[in-house]
Each structure stands twice: as C-alpha cells, then as structure tokens.
C-alpha cells in the first residue's frame, strides 16, 4: 500500500481522531515534503485540499515548530517560497 492510500485509510478510521495520530516515518516525511513542494507550487486557491497536504502541514508542525511564526518553519522545511495568499489558504487547510 502506498503512502497516500495508507494515510487516506487511516484518516477515515474510527481509531484516528486527529491527523497527528497517523504515524509517519522519516522516509515517509521526506515523501510528504516532496509532495507538498510540488502541490504548493501548483496550488490554486480554489483547489480542494487533500489529506496528504493536511498531514504534511501537521507533520511539519510536529517535527519543526518550536515557537513564533509557523510559516517561517514551514518555508525553511520546504525550501521554497510560498506566497502570502497561498499561506493564508494553507492556514485554513491546517
């Protein structure tokens, strides 16, 4: 089962109440980051967010956020520029 299928299955499970409860290994985290880089760079604000993007936002918070502005950590982790309008949209997804 690939990562997307596993996340989708676990997110719909009655055992998972919060996305942070979905276990993500370091290699899966790297896969999520790559997916997020591609997704964010081609993101349209009206697009329907997917579960992979939501899990990626949560995982970045779990693994990197300490205090202050989450977006500073997010941008540093992705290593790409994300416009303020996209960050606002992603904040709603988060």
Protein backbone atom coordinates (compact mmCIF):
# COMPACT_ATOMS: atom_id res chain seq x y z
CA UNK A 1 0.00 0.00 0.00
CA UNK A 2 1.45 3.37 -0.91
CA UNK A 3 1.66 6.30 1.49
CA UNK A 4 -1.36 8.14 0.06
CA UNK A 5 -3.57 5.07 0.37
CA UNK A 6 -2.39 4.37 3.92
CA UNK A 7 -2.98 7.97 5.05
CA UNK A 8 -6.42 8.05 3.44
CA UNK A 9 -7.35 4.73 5.04
CA UNK A 10 -6.08 5.71 8.48
CA UNK A 11 -7.68 9.17 8.35
CA UNK A 12 -11.06 7.57 7.78
CA UNK A 13 -10.50 5.02 10.54
CA UNK A 14 -12.52 5.37 13.71
CA UNK A 15 -9.28 4.90 15.68
CA UNK A 16 -7.76 8.12 14.28
CA UNK A 17 -9.36 11.24 15.70
CA UNK A 18 -6.57 13.73 14.83
CA UNK A 19 -4.19 13.75 11.86
CA UNK A 20 -1.24 13.87 14.25
CA UNK A 21 -2.14 10.30 15.29
CA UNK A 22 -1.18 8.93 11.86
CA UNK A 23 2.34 7.54 12.24
CA UNK A 24 4.79 8.89 9.65
CA UNK A 25 8.34 7.55 9.36
CA UNK A 26 11.29 9.76 8.42
CA UNK A 27 11.31 8.45 4.85
CA UNK A 28 7.54 8.99 4.57
CA UNK A 29 8.04 12.51 5.94
CA UNK A 30 10.53 13.22 3.17
CA UNK A 31 8.00 11.88 0.67
CA UNK A 32 5.35 14.19 2.16
CA UNK A 33 7.71 17.17 1.87
CA UNK A 34 8.37 16.42 -1.79
CA UNK A 35 4.66 16.02 -2.44
CA UNK A 36 3.97 19.31 -0.65
CA UNK A 37 6.62 21.19 -2.64
CA UNK A 38 5.01 20.06 -5.88
CA UNK A 39 1.46 20.61 -4.65
CA UNK A 40 2.09 24.09 -3.22
CA UNK A 41 3.95 25.33 -6.28
CA UNK A 42 0.96 24.46 -8.49
CA UNK A 43 -1.76 25.17 -5.92
CA UNK A 44 -4.84 27.10 -6.94
CA UNK A 45 -6.56 28.78 -4.04
CA UNK A 46 -9.93 27.29 -5.02
CA UNK A 47 -8.49 23.77 -5.13
CA UNK A 48 -9.91 21.21 -2.76
CA UNK A 49 -7.19 20.33 -0.24
CA UNK A 50 -6.25 16.70 0.00
CA UNK A 51 -5.43 14.63 3.03
CA UNK A 52 -1.74 14.33 2.07
CA UNK A 53 -1.33 18.10 2.19
CA UNK A 54 -3.14 18.31 5.52
CA UNK A 55 -0.98 15.57 7.04
CA UNK A 56 2.15 17.28 5.69
CA UNK A 57 1.18 20.56 7.37
CA UNK A 58 0.63 18.74 10.66
CA UNK A 59 3.90 16.81 10.35
CA UNK A 60 5.91 19.97 9.70
CA UNK A 61 4.41 21.43 12.86
CA UNK A 62 5.18 18.30 14.89
CA UNK A 63 8.75 17.98 13.64
CA UNK A 64 9.97 21.56 13.32
CA UNK A 65 7.79 24.12 15.06
CA UNK A 66 9.13 25.45 18.35
CA UNK A 67 7.62 28.90 18.82
CA UNK A 68 6.83 32.03 16.88
CA UNK A 69 5.59 32.01 13.32
CA UNK A 70 4.74 28.54 11.96
CA UNK A 71 5.26 29.74 8.38
CA UNK A 72 8.93 30.51 9.00
CA UNK A 73 9.44 26.86 9.94
CA UNK A 74 7.26 25.64 7.07
CA UNK A 75 9.16 27.68 4.45
CA UNK A 76 12.53 26.63 5.85
CA UNK A 77 11.49 22.97 5.81
CA UNK A 78 10.20 23.11 2.24
CA UNK A 79 12.99 25.31 0.99
CA UNK A 80 10.71 27.17 -1.42
CA UNK A 81 8.88 30.49 -1.44
CA UNK A 82 5.14 30.34 -0.80
CA UNK A 83 3.10 33.49 -1.39
CA UNK A 84 1.16 35.05 1.46
CA UNK A 85 -2.15 34.29 -0.25
CA UNK A 86 -1.21 30.60 -0.51
CA UNK A 87 -0.08 30.61 3.13
CA UNK A 88 -3.44 32.07 4.15
CA UNK A 89 -5.21 29.35 2.21
CA UNK A 90 -2.99 26.64 3.67
CA UNK A 91 -3.68 28.05 7.13
CA UNK A 92 -7.35 27.35 6.55
CA UNK A 93 -6.48 23.79 5.48
CA UNK A 94 -4.32 23.36 8.59
